[in-house]
């Protein structure tokens, strides 16, 4: 079973121990799930400071 982890810096969700986007540390403890398809048109992505599409956590511990 694949264990998804979220980056503590940019909140990007991935499978690795390091974030592929920013190189930050990842955590297994995260809540919420946001899928950004078009960050330029997404108001939520704009408020969260997301500039690239992908899977993001809403809260990371």
Protein backbone atom coordinates (compact mmCIF):
# COMPACT_ATOMS: atom_id res chain seq x y z
CA UNK A 1 0.00 0.00 0.00
CA UNK A 2 1.31 3.43 -0.96
CA UNK A 3 1.74 5.92 1.90
CA UNK A 4 1.15 9.49 0.74
CA UNK A 5 3.09 12.26 2.46
CA UNK A 6 2.70 16.03 2.35
CA UNK A 7 5.50 18.59 2.26
CA UNK A 8 5.79 20.75 5.37
CA UNK A 9 6.79 23.76 3.23
CA UNK A 10 4.61 23.80 0.12
CA UNK A 11 1.97 21.16 1.13
CA UNK A 12 2.46 19.19 -2.11
CA UNK A 13 1.43 15.54 -1.71
CA UNK A 14 3.86 12.86 -2.92
CA UNK A 15 5.15 9.42 -1.99
CA UNK A 16 8.79 10.23 -1.21
CA UNK A 17 10.68 11.33 1.89
CA UNK A 18 11.60 14.61 0.15
CA UNK A 19 9.27 16.91 -1.75
CA UNK A 20 9.84 16.75 -5.53
CA UNK A 21 8.75 20.42 -5.90
CA UNK A 22 10.76 22.26 -3.24
CA UNK A 23 13.00 19.58 -1.67
CA UNK A 24 11.41 20.07 1.76
CA UNK A 25 10.73 17.46 4.43
CA UNK A 26 7.49 15.48 4.14
CA UNK A 27 5.11 14.24 6.81
CA UNK A 28 2.57 11.42 7.04
CA UNK A 29 0.37 13.58 9.27
CA UNK A 30 -1.72 15.81 7.05
CA UNK A 31 -5.40 16.64 6.65
CA UNK A 32 -7.60 17.63 3.75
CA UNK A 33 -7.02 17.08 0.07
CA UNK A 34 -6.99 19.65 -2.70
CA UNK A 35 -6.58 18.82 -6.36
CA UNK A 36 -5.53 21.86 -8.38
CA UNK A 37 -6.08 21.50 -12.12
CA UNK A 38 -5.82 25.13 -13.25
CA UNK A 39 -4.09 27.26 -10.57
CA UNK A 40 -4.56 30.49 -12.56
CA UNK A 41 -8.36 30.22 -12.38
CA UNK A 42 -8.61 28.74 -8.86
CA UNK A 43 -9.38 31.20 -6.08
CA UNK A 44 -8.39 28.63 -3.42
CA UNK A 45 -5.02 28.05 -5.10
CA UNK A 46 -4.44 31.80 -5.20
CA UNK A 47 -5.22 32.17 -1.47
CA UNK A 48 -2.91 29.25 -0.61
CA UNK A 49 -0.10 30.59 -2.81
CA UNK A 50 -0.16 27.61 -5.19
CA UNK A 51 1.24 28.31 -8.66
CA UNK A 52 1.38 24.77 -10.12
CA UNK A 53 -1.22 22.06 -10.56
CA UNK A 54 -1.16 18.89 -8.48
CA UNK A 55 -2.29 17.36 -5.19
CA UNK A 56 -2.02 19.46 -2.04
CA UNK A 57 -2.84 19.00 1.64
CA UNK A 58 -4.85 21.64 3.47
CA UNK A 59 -3.00 21.16 6.78
CA UNK A 60 0.37 19.49 7.52
CA UNK A 61 1.79 18.71 10.97
